[in-house]
C-alpha cells in the first residue's frame, strides 16, 4: 500500500468512526465512490475494531502495575 493510499484509508476510517453505525454504509459509499479496494480496507478496519470490542479498554486487575 502506498503512503498516499494508506493516508486515504486512515482518513476515511477516522471519518467513518465519527458517523453513527447505522449511517456508515452510506458514508462509505459516498466517501469511496467506485474505489472498491479503499472501501474494503476501511470496512476491514471497522470490522476489526468492532470485533475487538472492549478488549484492552480497561486496565487489568491491579492496574497493570508490576509487583
Protein backbone atom coordinates (compact mmCIF):
# COMPACT_ATOMS: atom_id res chain seq x y z
CA UNK A 1 0.00 0.00 0.00
CA UNK A 2 1.46 3.36 -0.97
CA UNK A 3 1.77 6.16 1.54
CA UNK A 4 -0.95 8.20 -0.16
CA UNK A 5 -3.27 5.19 -0.23
CA UNK A 6 -2.52 4.45 3.42
CA UNK A 7 -3.23 8.08 4.30
CA UNK A 8 -6.54 7.92 2.44
CA UNK A 9 -7.55 4.70 4.22
CA UNK A 10 -6.72 6.25 7.58
CA UNK A 11 -8.62 9.43 6.71
CA UNK A 12 -11.78 7.64 5.59
CA UNK A 13 -11.56 5.26 8.56
CA UNK A 14 -11.32 8.15 11.02
CA UNK A 15 -14.23 9.92 9.36
CA UNK A 16 -16.28 6.71 9.35
CA UNK A 17 -15.78 6.38 13.10
CA UNK A 18 -17.42 9.78 13.53
CA UNK A 19 -20.58 8.51 11.84
CA UNK A 20 -23.35 6.67 13.67
CA UNK A 21 -23.01 2.94 12.94
CA UNK A 22 -26.32 2.95 11.05
CA UNK A 23 -25.02 5.64 8.67
CA UNK A 24 -21.59 4.19 7.91
CA UNK A 25 -22.54 2.21 4.81
CA UNK A 26 -23.97 5.32 3.15
CA UNK A 27 -20.96 7.33 4.27
CA UNK A 28 -18.55 4.76 2.80
CA UNK A 29 -20.47 4.68 -0.48
CA UNK A 30 -20.10 8.44 -0.77
CA UNK A 31 -16.52 8.64 0.51
CA UNK A 32 -15.15 5.72 -1.51
CA UNK A 33 -17.17 6.03 -4.70
CA UNK A 34 -16.04 3.33 -7.13
CA UNK A 35 -12.83 2.61 -5.21
CA UNK A 36 -13.74 -0.87 -4.02
CA UNK A 37 -10.24 -1.51 -2.63
CA UNK A 38 -10.45 1.57 -0.41
CA UNK A 39 -13.91 0.62 0.82
CA UNK A 40 -12.81 -2.95 1.51
CA UNK A 41 -9.80 -1.80 3.53
CA UNK A 42 -11.86 0.63 5.59
CA UNK A 43 -14.58 -1.99 6.17
CA UNK A 44 -11.89 -4.45 7.31
CA UNK A 45 -10.61 -1.90 9.85
CA UNK A 46 -14.11 -1.13 11.08
CA UNK A 47 -14.83 -4.86 11.41
CA UNK A 48 -11.62 -5.47 13.35
CA UNK A 49 -12.43 -2.61 15.69
CA UNK A 50 -15.94 -3.93 16.27
CA UNK A 51 -14.62 -7.46 16.81
CA UNK A 52 -12.11 -6.21 19.38
CA UNK A 53 -14.96 -4.62 21.32
CA UNK A 54 -13.92 -3.60 24.80
CA UNK A 55 -10.65 -5.53 24.72
CA UNK A 56 -7.90 -3.58 26.48
CA UNK A 57 -10.10 -0.57 27.23
CA UNK A 58 -9.92 -1.20 30.95
CA UNK A 59 -6.80 -1.97 32.96
CA UNK A 60 -6.28 -5.48 34.19
CA UNK A 61 -6.75 -6.33 37.85
CA UNK A 62 -4.15 -4.47 39.85
CA UNK A 63 -3.97 -1.61 37.36
CA UNK A 64 -1.29 -3.29 35.29
CA UNK A 65 1.43 -2.13 37.66
CA UNK A 66 4.36 -4.51 38.14
CA UNK A 67 4.70 -6.11 41.55
